[in-house]
Amino acid sequence: MNKLKRLCRGEDLEDAKALMVTVPEEAGIAKIEETVSTVKCFGRVHVRSRMFNLSLNHLMVLCECWETFSHEDVPTEVVHLESGEKWQLVTVIDCTY
């Protein structure tokens, strides 16, 4: 079982409504939710947990989406609205962490 799937289970979160996003350490919860919510198939997004990944030097943020989404509709990244930086999106289907 991969880490994202274990996190979903620990947070009592449905796989079909969960994703992980890689963000810089200084990214605030409100900006993460606002940025990831720009992907229409997710609906509104709520940050459930965060953990620092030493090898990536970024935060790994577990998010819950209000909508059940098809993994085929999920882009590989989302662009932060202010900085233009690309944040990687990972779902249970394609998780390698």
PDB file of N, CA and C in Angstrom:
ATOM      1  N   MET A   1       0.859  -1.181   0.000  1.00  0.00           N
ATOM      2  CA  MET A   1       0.000   0.000   0.000  1.00  0.00           C
ATOM      3  C   MET A   1       0.897   1.235   0.000  1.00  0.00           C
ATOM      4  N   ASN A   2       0.651   2.168  -0.896  1.00  0.00           N
ATOM      5  CA  ASN A   2       1.501   3.354  -0.966  1.00  0.00           C
ATOM      6  C   ASN A   2       1.147   4.362   0.131  1.00  0.00           C
ATOM      7  N   LYS A   3       2.009   5.342   0.312  1.00  0.00           N
ATOM      8  CA  LYS A   3       1.864   6.311   1.398  1.00  0.00           C
ATOM      9  C   LYS A   3       0.573   7.120   1.306  1.00  0.00           C
ATOM     10  N   LEU A   4       0.203   7.556   0.117  1.00  0.00           N
ATOM     11  CA  LEU A   4      -1.026   8.340  -0.021  1.00  0.00           C
ATOM     12  C   LEU A   4      -2.236   7.506   0.365  1.00  0.00           C
ATOM     13  N   LYS A   5      -2.273   6.264  -0.047  1.00  0.00           N
ATOM     14  CA  LYS A   5      -3.391   5.389   0.293  1.00  0.00           C
ATOM     15  C   LYS A   5      -3.460   5.183   1.812  1.00  0.00           C
ATOM     16  N   ARG A   6      -2.305   5.041   2.463  1.00  0.00           N
ATOM     17  CA  ARG A   6      -2.271   4.890   3.928  1.00  0.00           C
ATOM     18  C   ARG A   6      -2.733   6.172   4.622  1.00  0.00           C
ATOM     19  N   LEU A   7      -2.305   7.312   4.102  1.00  0.00           N
ATOM     20  CA  LEU A   7      -2.749   8.589   4.673  1.00  0.00           C
ATOM     21  C   LEU A   7      -4.265   8.747   4.548  1.00  0.00           C
ATOM     22  N   CYS A   8      -4.799   8.377   3.410  1.00  0.00           N
ATOM     23  CA  CYS A   8      -6.256   8.461   3.206  1.00  0.00           C
ATOM     24  C   CYS A   8      -6.980   7.592   4.226  1.00  0.00           C
ATOM     25  N   ARG A   9      -6.486   6.403   4.424  1.00  0.00           N
ATOM     26  CA  ARG A   9      -7.114   5.497   5.379  1.00  0.00           C
ATOM     27  C   ARG A   9      -7.016   6.055   6.794  1.00  0.00           C
ATOM     28  N   GLY A  10      -5.858   6.601   7.158  1.00  0.00           N
ATOM     29  CA  GLY A  10      -5.665   7.178   8.483  1.00  0.00           C
ATOM     30  C   GLY A  10      -6.529   8.396   8.729  1.00  0.00           C
ATOM     31  N   GLU A  11      -6.806   9.147   7.681  1.00  0.00           N
ATOM     32  CA  GLU A  11      -7.638  10.348   7.791  1.00  0.00           C
ATOM     33  C   GLU A  11      -9.114  10.042   7.521  1.00  0.00           C
ATOM     34  N   ASP A  12      -9.434   8.771   7.281  1.00  0.00           N
ATOM     35  CA  ASP A  12     -10.798   8.347   6.950  1.00  0.00           C
ATOM     36  C   ASP A  12     -11.310   9.131   5.746  1.00  0.00           C
ATOM     37  N   LEU A  13     -10.483   9.125   4.690  1.00  0.00           N
ATOM     38  CA  LEU A  13     -10.737   9.902   3.484  1.00  0.00           C
ATOM     39  C   LEU A  13     -10.875   8.962   2.295  1.00  0.00           C
ATOM     40  N   GLU A  14     -11.924   9.147   1.510  1.00  0.00           N
ATOM     41  CA  GLU A  14     -12.174   8.340   0.326  1.00  0.00           C
ATOM     42  C   GLU A  14     -11.087   8.556  -0.720  1.00  0.00           C
ATOM     43  N   ASP A  15     -10.527   7.459  -1.267  1.00  0.00           N
ATOM     44  CA  ASP A  15      -9.501   7.575  -2.311  1.00  0.00           C
ATOM     45  C   ASP A  15      -9.969   8.426  -3.483  1.00  0.00           C
ATOM     46  N   ALA A  16     -11.237   8.287  -3.846  1.00  0.00           N
ATOM     47  CA  ALA A  16     -11.789   8.977  -5.024  1.00  0.00           C
ATOM     48  C   ALA A  16     -11.951  10.478  -4.805  1.00  0.00           C
ATOM     49  N   LYS A  17     -11.721  10.959  -3.588  1.00  0.00           N
ATOM     50  CA  LYS A  17     -11.824  12.388  -3.300  1.00  0.00           C
ATOM     51  C   LYS A  17     -10.524  12.944  -2.717  1.00  0.00           C
ATOM     52  N   ALA A  18      -9.452  12.185  -2.855  1.00  0.00           N
ATOM     53  CA  ALA A  18      -8.189  12.579  -2.233  1.00  0.00           C
ATOM     54  C   ALA A  18      -7.098  12.808  -3.273  1.00  0.00           C
ATOM     55  N   LEU A  19      -6.226  13.750  -2.962  1.00  0.00           N
ATOM     56  CA  LEU A  19      -5.041  13.956  -3.774  1.00  0.00           C
ATOM     57  C   LEU A  19      -3.956  14.561  -2.901  1.00  0.00           C
ATOM     58  N   MET A  20      -2.748  14.477  -3.396  1.00  0.00           N
ATOM     59  CA  MET A  20      -1.624  15.078  -2.702  1.00  0.00           C
ATOM     60  C   MET A  20      -1.001  16.093  -3.646  1.00  0.00           C
ATOM     61  N   VAL A  21      -0.610  17.216  -3.093  1.00  0.00           N
ATOM     62  CA  VAL A  21       0.030  18.267  -3.874  1.00  0.00           C
ATOM     63  C   VAL A  21       1.357  18.612  -3.215  1.00  0.00           C
ATOM     64  N   THR A  22       2.371  18.821  -4.039  1.00  0.00           N
ATOM     65  CA  THR A  22       3.704  19.191  -3.565  1.00  0.00           C
ATOM     66  C   THR A  22       3.829  20.704  -3.646  1.00  0.00           C
ATOM     67  N   VAL A  23       4.071  21.346  -2.495  1.00  0.00           N
ATOM     68  CA  VAL A  23       4.120  22.807  -2.449  1.00  0.00           C
ATOM     69  C   VAL A  23       5.362  23.266  -1.686  1.00  0.00           C
ATOM     70  N   PRO A  24       5.788  24.508  -1.909  1.00  0.00           N
ATOM     71  CA  PRO A  24       6.894  25.051  -1.112  1.00  0.00           C
ATOM     72  C   PRO A  24       6.495  25.137   0.359  1.00  0.00           C
ATOM     73  N   GLU A  25       7.481  25.074   1.214  1.00  0.00           N
ATOM     74  CA  GLU A  25       7.239  25.066   2.663  1.00  0.00           C
ATOM     75  C   GLU A  25       6.466  26.290   3.146  1.00  0.00           C
ATOM     76  N   GLU A  26       6.653  27.428   2.504  1.00  0.00           N
ATOM     77  CA  GLU A  26       6.010  28.658   2.962  1.00  0.00           C
ATOM     78  C   GLU A  26       4.568  28.819   2.463  1.00  0.00           C
ATOM     79  N   ALA A  27       4.075  27.906   1.652  1.00  0.00           N
ATOM     80  CA  ALA A  27       2.707  28.011   1.124  1.00  0.00           C
ATOM     81  C   ALA A  27       1.688  27.875   2.254  1.00  0.00           C
ATOM     82  N   GLY A  28       0.781  28.813   2.329  1.00  0.00           N
ATOM     83  CA  GLY A  28      -0.253  28.790   3.356  1.00  0.00           C
ATOM     84  C   GLY A  28      -1.437  27.931   2.935  1.00  0.00           C
ATOM     85  N   ILE A  29      -2.183  27.464   3.921  1.00  0.00           N
ATOM     86  CA  ILE A  29      -3.319  26.577   3.666  1.00  0.00           C
ATOM     87  C   ILE A  29      -4.341  27.240   2.747  1.00  0.00           C
ATOM     88  N   ALA A  30      -4.677  28.486   2.996  1.00  0.00           N
ATOM     89  CA  ALA A  30      -5.681  29.178   2.169  1.00  0.00           C
ATOM     90  C   ALA A  30      -5.244  29.241   0.709  1.00  0.00           C
ATOM     91  N   LYS A  31      -3.975  29.540   0.465  1.00  0.00           N
ATOM     92  CA  LYS A  31      -3.470  29.623  -0.912  1.00  0.00           C
ATOM     93  C   LYS A  31      -3.426  28.243  -1.567  1.00  0.00           C
ATOM     94  N   ILE A  32      -3.108  27.218  -0.795  1.00  0.00           N
ATOM     95  CA  ILE A  32      -3.108  25.853  -1.339  1.00  0.00           C
ATOM     96  C   ILE A  32      -4.523  25.490  -1.777  1.00  0.00           C
ATOM     97  N   GLU A  33      -5.490  25.714  -0.900  1.00  0.00           N
ATOM     98  CA  GLU A  33      -6.882  25.376  -1.217  1.00  0.00           C
ATOM     99  C   GLU A  33      -7.378  26.179  -2.421  1.00  0.00           C
ATOM    100  N   GLU A  34      -7.059  27.463  -2.458  1.00  0.00           N
ATOM    101  CA  GLU A  34      -7.488  28.323  -3.556  1.00  0.00           C
ATOM    102  C   GLU A  34      -6.876  27.869  -4.891  1.00  0.00           C
ATOM    103  N   THR A  35      -5.588  27.559  -4.876  1.00  0.00           N
ATOM    104  CA  THR A  35      -4.890  27.168  -6.099  1.00  0.00           C
ATOM    105  C   THR A  35      -5.377  25.821  -6.617  1.00  0.00           C
ATOM    106  N   VAL A  36      -5.464  24.832  -5.736  1.00  0.00           N
ATOM    107  CA  VAL A  36      -5.879  23.493  -6.173  1.00  0.00           C
ATOM    108  C   VAL A  36      -7.342  23.502  -6.608  1.00  0.00           C
ATOM    109  N   SER A  37      -8.151  24.355  -6.014  1.00  0.00           N
ATOM    110  CA  SER A  37      -9.567  24.456  -6.392  1.00  0.00           C
ATOM    111  C   SER A  37      -9.772  24.993  -7.803  1.00  0.00           C
ATOM    112  N   THR A  38      -8.720  25.550  -8.420  1.00  0.00           N
ATOM    113  CA  THR A  38      -8.853  26.024  -9.798  1.00  0.00           C
ATOM    114  C   THR A  38      -9.026  24.870 -10.779  1.00  0.00           C
ATOM    115  N   VAL A  39      -8.685  23.658 -10.361  1.00  0.00           N
ATOM    116  CA  VAL A  39      -8.929  22.476 -11.191  1.00  0.00           C
ATOM    117  C   VAL A  39     -10.392  22.107 -10.984  1.00  0.00           C
ATOM    118  N   LYS A  40     -11.202  22.356 -11.983  1.00  0.00           N
ATOM    119  CA  LYS A  40     -12.663  22.279 -11.849  1.00  0.00           C
ATOM    120  C   LYS A  40     -13.174  20.901 -11.433  1.00  0.00           C
ATOM    121  N   CYS A  41     -12.521  19.823 -11.826  1.00  0.00           N
ATOM    122  CA  CYS A  41     -13.042  18.488 -11.493  1.00  0.00           C
ATOM    123  C   CYS A  41     -12.965  18.189  -9.993  1.00  0.00           C
ATOM    124  N   PHE A  42     -12.205  18.986  -9.223  1.00  0.00           N
ATOM    125  CA  PHE A  42     -12.087  18.761  -7.782  1.00  0.00           C
ATOM    126  C   PHE A  42     -13.210  19.415  -6.982  1.00  0.00           C
ATOM    127  N   GLY A  43     -13.836  20.447  -7.533  1.00  0.00           N
ATOM    128  CA  GLY A  43     -14.758  21.236  -6.734  1.00  0.00           C
ATOM    129  C   GLY A  43     -13.955  22.003  -5.694  1.00  0.00           C
ATOM    130  N   ARG A  44     -14.545  22.261  -4.549  1.00  0.00           N
ATOM    131  CA  ARG A  44     -13.800  22.922  -3.469  1.00  0.00           C
ATOM    132  C   ARG A  44     -12.813  21.921  -2.874  1.00  0.00           C
ATOM    133  N   VAL A  45     -11.727  22.436  -2.360  1.00  0.00           N
ATOM    134  CA  VAL A  45     -10.651  21.601  -1.820  1.00  0.00           C
ATOM    135  C   VAL A  45     -10.367  22.014  -0.388  1.00  0.00           C
ATOM    136  N   HIS A  46     -10.136  21.017   0.466  1.00  0.00           N
ATOM    137  CA  HIS A  46      -9.834  21.260   1.872  1.00  0.00           C
ATOM    138  C   HIS A  46      -8.530  20.539   2.226  1.00  0.00           C
ATOM    139  N   VAL A  47      -7.565  21.252   2.820  1.00  0.00           N
ATOM    140  CA  VAL A  47      -6.311  20.637   3.269  1.00  0.00           C
ATOM    141  C   VAL A  47      -6.592  19.805   4.508  1.00  0.00           C
ATOM    142  N   ARG A  48      -6.202  18.524   4.471  1.00  0.00           N
ATOM    143  CA  ARG A  48      -6.414  17.625   5.605  1.00  0.00           C
ATOM    144  C   ARG A  48      -5.155  17.436   6.448  1.00  0.00           C
ATOM    145  N   SER A  49      -3.998  17.362   5.804  1.00  0.00           N
ATOM    146  CA  SER A  49      -2.748  17.221   6.563  1.00  0.00           C
ATOM    147  C   SER A  49      -1.569  17.638   5.694  1.00  0.00           C
ATOM    148  N   ARG A  50      -0.452  17.923   6.366  1.00  0.00           N
ATOM    149  CA  ARG A  50       0.778  18.311   5.682  1.00  0.00           C
ATOM    150  C   ARG A  50       1.950  17.592   6.326  1.00  0.00           C
ATOM    151  N   MET A  51       2.952  17.262   5.510  1.00  0.00           N
ATOM    152  CA  MET A  51       4.188  16.714   6.046  1.00  0.00           C
ATOM    153  C   MET A  51       5.340  17.158   5.146  1.00  0.00           C
ATOM    154  N   PHE A  52       6.498  17.363   5.756  1.00  0.00           N
ATOM    155  CA  PHE A  52       7.658  17.819   5.001  1.00  0.00           C
ATOM    156  C   PHE A  52       8.387  16.618   4.416  1.00  0.00           C
ATOM    157  N   ASN A  53       8.734  16.707   3.133  1.00  0.00           N
ATOM    158  CA  ASN A  53       9.490  15.656   2.455  1.00  0.00           C
ATOM    159  C   ASN A  53      10.920  16.149   2.272  1.00  0.00           C
ATOM    160  N   LEU A  54      11.851  15.536   2.988  1.00  0.00           N
ATOM    161  CA  LEU A  54      13.251  15.965   2.952  1.00  0.00           C
ATOM    162  C   LEU A  54      13.866  15.827   1.567  1.00  0.00           C
ATOM    163  N   SER A  55      13.577  14.741   0.869  1.00  0.00           N
ATOM    164  CA  SER A  55      14.208  14.521  -0.435  1.00  0.00           C
ATOM    165  C   SER A  55      13.719  15.528  -1.481  1.00  0.00           C
ATOM    166  N   LEU A  56      12.492  15.999  -1.371  1.00  0.00           N
ATOM    167  CA  LEU A  56      11.958  16.992  -2.302  1.00  0.00           C
ATOM    168  C   LEU A  56      12.139  18.424  -1.810  1.00  0.00           C
ATOM    169  N   ASN A  57      12.405  18.572  -0.504  1.00  0.00           N
ATOM    170  CA  ASN A  57      12.518  19.880   0.141  1.00  0.00           C
ATOM    171  C   ASN A  57      11.235  20.702  -0.056  1.00  0.00           C
ATOM    172  N   HIS A  58      10.100  20.011  -0.006  1.00  0.00           N
ATOM    173  CA  HIS A  58       8.778  20.620  -0.150  1.00  0.00           C
ATOM    174  C   HIS A  58       7.815  19.957   0.821  1.00  0.00           C
ATOM    175  N   LEU A  59       6.682  20.596   1.014  1.00  0.00           N
ATOM    176  CA  LEU A  59       5.607  19.988   1.790  1.00  0.00           C
ATOM    177  C   LEU A  59       4.787  19.075   0.884  1.00  0.00           C
ATOM    178  N   MET A  60       4.360  17.962   1.418  1.00  0.00           N
ATOM    179  CA  MET A  60       3.405  17.083   0.763  1.00  0.00           C
ATOM    180  C   MET A  60       2.081  17.327   1.482  1.00  0.00           C
ATOM    181  N   VAL A  61       1.075  17.790   0.755  1.00  0.00           N
ATOM    182  CA  VAL A  61      -0.179  18.217   1.359  1.00  0.00           C
ATOM    183  C   VAL A  61      -1.305  17.284   0.906  1.00  0.00           C
ATOM    184  N   LEU A  62      -1.946  16.641   1.872  1.00  0.00           N
ATOM    185  CA  LEU A  62      -3.093  15.789   1.589  1.00  0.00           C
ATOM    186  C   LEU A  62      -4.335  16.663   1.533  1.00  0.00           C
ATOM    187  N   CYS A  63      -5.060  16.592   0.420  1.00  0.00           N
ATOM    188  CA  CYS A  63      -6.252  17.404   0.220  1.00  0.00           C
ATOM    189  C   CYS A  63      -7.472  16.522   0.000  1.00  0.00           C
ATOM    190  N   GLU A  64      -8.595  17.010   0.496  1.00  0.00           N
ATOM    191  CA  GLU A  64      -9.881  16.367   0.242  1.00  0.00           C
ATOM    192  C   GLU A  64     -10.666  17.243  -0.718  1.00  0.00           C
ATOM    193  N   CYS A  65     -11.196  16.628  -1.763  1.00  0.00           N
ATOM    194  CA  CYS A  65     -11.999  17.334  -2.751  1.00  0.00           C
ATOM    195  C   CYS A  65     -13.468  17.098  -2.466  1.00  0.00           C
ATOM    196  N   TRP A  66     -14.292  18.089  -2.735  1.00  0.00           N
ATOM    197  CA  TRP A  66     -15.732  17.958  -2.517  1.00  0.00           C
ATOM    198  C   TRP A  66     -16.364  17.073  -3.568  1.00  0.00           C
ATOM    199  N   GLU A  67     -15.745  17.004  -4.746  1.00  0.00           N
ATOM    200  CA  GLU A  67     -16.281  16.214  -5.844  1.00  0.00           C
ATOM    201  C   GLU A  67     -15.476  14.924  -6.011  1.00  0.00           C
ATOM    202  N   THR A  68     -16.177  13.861  -6.393  1.00  0.00           N
ATOM    203  CA  THR A  68     -15.489  12.642  -6.803  1.00  0.00           C
ATOM    204  C   THR A  68     -15.002  12.900  -8.223  1.00  0.00           C
ATOM    205  N   PHE A  69     -13.721  12.645  -8.471  1.00  0.00           N
ATOM    206  CA  PHE A  69     -13.157  12.965  -9.774  1.00  0.00           C
ATOM    207  C   PHE A  69     -12.640  11.714 -10.461  1.00  0.00           C
ATOM    208  N   SER A  70     -12.577  11.794 -11.775  1.00  0.00           N
ATOM    209  CA  SER A  70     -11.994  10.722 -12.577  1.00  0.00           C
ATOM    210  C   SER A  70     -10.496  10.995 -12.663  1.00  0.00           C
ATOM    211  N   HIS A  71      -9.690  10.005 -12.388  1.00  0.00           N
ATOM    212  CA  HIS A  71      -8.236  10.199 -12.382  1.00  0.00           C
ATOM    213  C   HIS A  71      -7.710  10.614 -13.749  1.00  0.00           C
ATOM    214  N   GLU A  72      -8.431  10.258 -14.803  1.00  0.00           N
ATOM    215  CA  GLU A  72      -8.025  10.652 -16.157  1.00  0.00           C
ATOM    216  C   GLU A  72      -8.164  12.164 -16.365  1.00  0.00           C
ATOM    217  N   ASP A  73      -9.026  12.818 -15.591  1.00  0.00           N
ATOM    218  CA  ASP A  73      -9.257  14.257 -15.729  1.00  0.00           C
ATOM    219  C   ASP A  73      -8.281  15.110 -14.926  1.00  0.00           C
ATOM    220  N   VAL A  74      -7.465  14.481 -14.105  1.00  0.00           N
ATOM    221  CA  VAL A  74      -6.567  15.217 -13.207  1.00  0.00           C
ATOM    222  C   VAL A  74      -5.271  15.578 -13.942  1.00  0.00           C
ATOM    223  N   PRO A  75      -4.933  16.862 -13.978  1.00  0.00           N
ATOM    224  CA  PRO A  75      -3.648  17.246 -14.575  1.00  0.00           C
ATOM    225  C   PRO A  75      -2.498  16.802 -13.671  1.00  0.00           C
ATOM    226  N   THR A  76      -1.308  16.770 -14.208  1.00  0.00           N
ATOM    227  CA  THR A  76      -0.145  16.362 -13.417  1.00  0.00           C
ATOM    228  C   THR A  76       0.335  17.479 -12.507  1.00  0.00           C
ATOM    229  N   GLU A  77      -0.082  18.720 -12.825  1.00  0.00           N
ATOM    230  CA  GLU A  77       0.333  19.857 -12.007  1.00  0.00           C
ATOM    231  C   GLU A  77      -0.697  20.969 -12.088  1.00  0.00           C
ATOM    232  N   VAL A  78      -0.596  21.874 -11.115  1.00  0.00           N
ATOM    233  CA  VAL A  78      -1.439  23.063 -11.078  1.00  0.00           C
ATOM    234  C   VAL A  78      -0.508  24.258 -10.886  1.00  0.00           C
ATOM    235  N   VAL A  79      -0.869  25.391 -11.456  1.00  0.00           N
ATOM    236  CA  VAL A  79      -0.027  26.582 -11.374  1.00  0.00           C
ATOM    237  C   VAL A  79      -0.516  27.472 -10.236  1.00  0.00           C
ATOM    238  N   HIS A  80       0.402  27.822  -9.322  1.00  0.00           N
ATOM    239  CA  HIS A  80       0.078  28.726  -8.221  1.00  0.00           C
ATOM    240  C   HIS A  80      -0.315  30.067  -8.813  1.00  0.00           C
ATOM    241  N   LEU A  81      -1.408  30.616  -8.332  1.00  0.00           N
ATOM    242  CA  LEU A  81      -2.005  31.812  -8.917  1.00  0.00           C
ATOM    243  C   LEU A  81      -1.111  33.044  -8.872  1.00  0.00           C
ATOM    244  N   GLU A  82      -0.334  33.205  -7.812  1.00  0.00           N
ATOM    245  CA  GLU A  82       0.472  34.424  -7.668  1.00  0.00           C
ATOM    246  C   GLU A  82       1.889  34.277  -8.214  1.00  0.00           C
ATOM    247  N   SER A  83       2.553  33.176  -7.886  1.00  0.00           N
ATOM    248  CA  SER A  83       3.955  33.029  -8.269  1.00  0.00           C
ATOM    249  C   SER A  83       4.154  32.430  -9.654  1.00  0.00           C
ATOM    250  N   GLY A  84       3.137  31.729 -10.154  1.00  0.00           N
ATOM    251  CA  GLY A  84       3.285  31.043 -11.435  1.00  0.00           C
ATOM    252  C   GLY A  84       4.039  29.730 -11.316  1.00  0.00           C
ATOM    253  N   GLU A  85       4.418  29.363 -10.083  1.00  0.00           N
ATOM    254  CA  GLU A  85       5.140  28.109  -9.846  1.00  0.00           C
ATOM    255  C   GLU A  85       4.204  26.921 -10.058  1.00  0.00           C
ATOM    256  N   LYS A  86       4.743  25.851 -10.641  1.00  0.00           N
ATOM    257  CA  LYS A  86       3.959  24.642 -10.876  1.00  0.00           C
ATOM    258  C   LYS A  86       4.066  23.711  -9.679  1.00  0.00           C
ATOM    259  N   TRP A  87       2.909  23.243  -9.206  1.00  0.00           N
ATOM    260  CA  TRP A  87       2.840  22.313  -8.090  1.00  0.00           C
ATOM    261  C   TRP A  87       2.376  20.961  -8.617  1.00  0.00           C
ATOM    262  N   GLN A  88       3.096  19.907  -8.272  1.00  0.00           N
ATOM    263  CA  GLN A  88       2.758  18.569  -8.735  1.00  0.00           C
ATOM    264  C   GLN A  88       1.532  18.033  -7.997  1.00  0.00           C
ATOM    265  N   LEU A  89       0.621  17.413  -8.742  1.00  0.00           N
ATOM    266  CA  LEU A  89      -0.555  16.766  -8.184  1.00  0.00           C
ATOM    267  C   LEU A  89      -0.399  15.250  -8.303  1.00  0.00           C
ATOM    268  N   VAL A  90      -0.754  14.546  -7.233  1.00  0.00           N
ATOM    269  CA  VAL A  90      -0.635  13.095  -7.221  1.00  0.00           C
ATOM    270  C   VAL A  90      -1.948  12.517  -6.682  1.00  0.00           C
ATOM    271  N   THR A  91      -2.484  11.506  -7.366  1.00  0.00           N
ATOM    272  CA  THR A  91      -3.674  10.810  -6.899  1.00  0.00           C
ATOM    273  C   THR A  91      -3.283   9.405  -6.462  1.00  0.00           C
ATOM    274  N   VAL A  92      -4.199   8.681  -5.856  1.00  0.00           N
ATOM    275  CA  VAL A  92      -3.924   7.322  -5.404  1.00  0.00           C
ATOM    276  C   VAL A  92      -3.503   6.436  -6.585  1.00  0.00           C
ATOM    277  N   ILE A  93      -4.103   6.649  -7.735  1.00  0.00           N
ATOM    278  CA  ILE A  93      -3.805   5.839  -8.915  1.00  0.00           C
ATOM    279  C   ILE A  93      -2.348   5.966  -9.336  1.00  0.00           C
ATOM    280  N   ASP A  94      -1.807   7.191  -9.320  1.00  0.00           N
ATOM    281  CA  ASP A  94      -0.449   7.390  -9.835  1.00  0.00           C
ATOM    282  C   ASP A  94       0.583   7.697  -8.771  1.00  0.00           C
ATOM    283  N   CYS A  95       0.278   7.391  -7.523  1.00  0.00           N
ATOM    284  CA  CYS A  95       1.164   7.732  -6.414  1.00  0.00           C
ATOM    285  C   CYS A  95       2.416   6.855  -6.408  1.00  0.00           C
ATOM    286  N   THR A  96       3.586   7.515  -6.286  1.00  0.00           N
ATOM    287  CA  THR A  96       4.851   6.798  -6.199  1.00  0.00           C
ATOM    288  C   THR A  96       5.614   7.162  -4.938  1.00  0.00           C
ATOM    289  N   TYR A  97       5.024   7.943  -4.032  1.00  0.00           N
ATOM    290  CA  TYR A  97       5.717   8.379  -2.821  1.00  0.00           C
ATOM    291  C   TYR A  97       5.616   7.328  -1.754  1.00  0.00           C
TER     292      TYR A  97
END
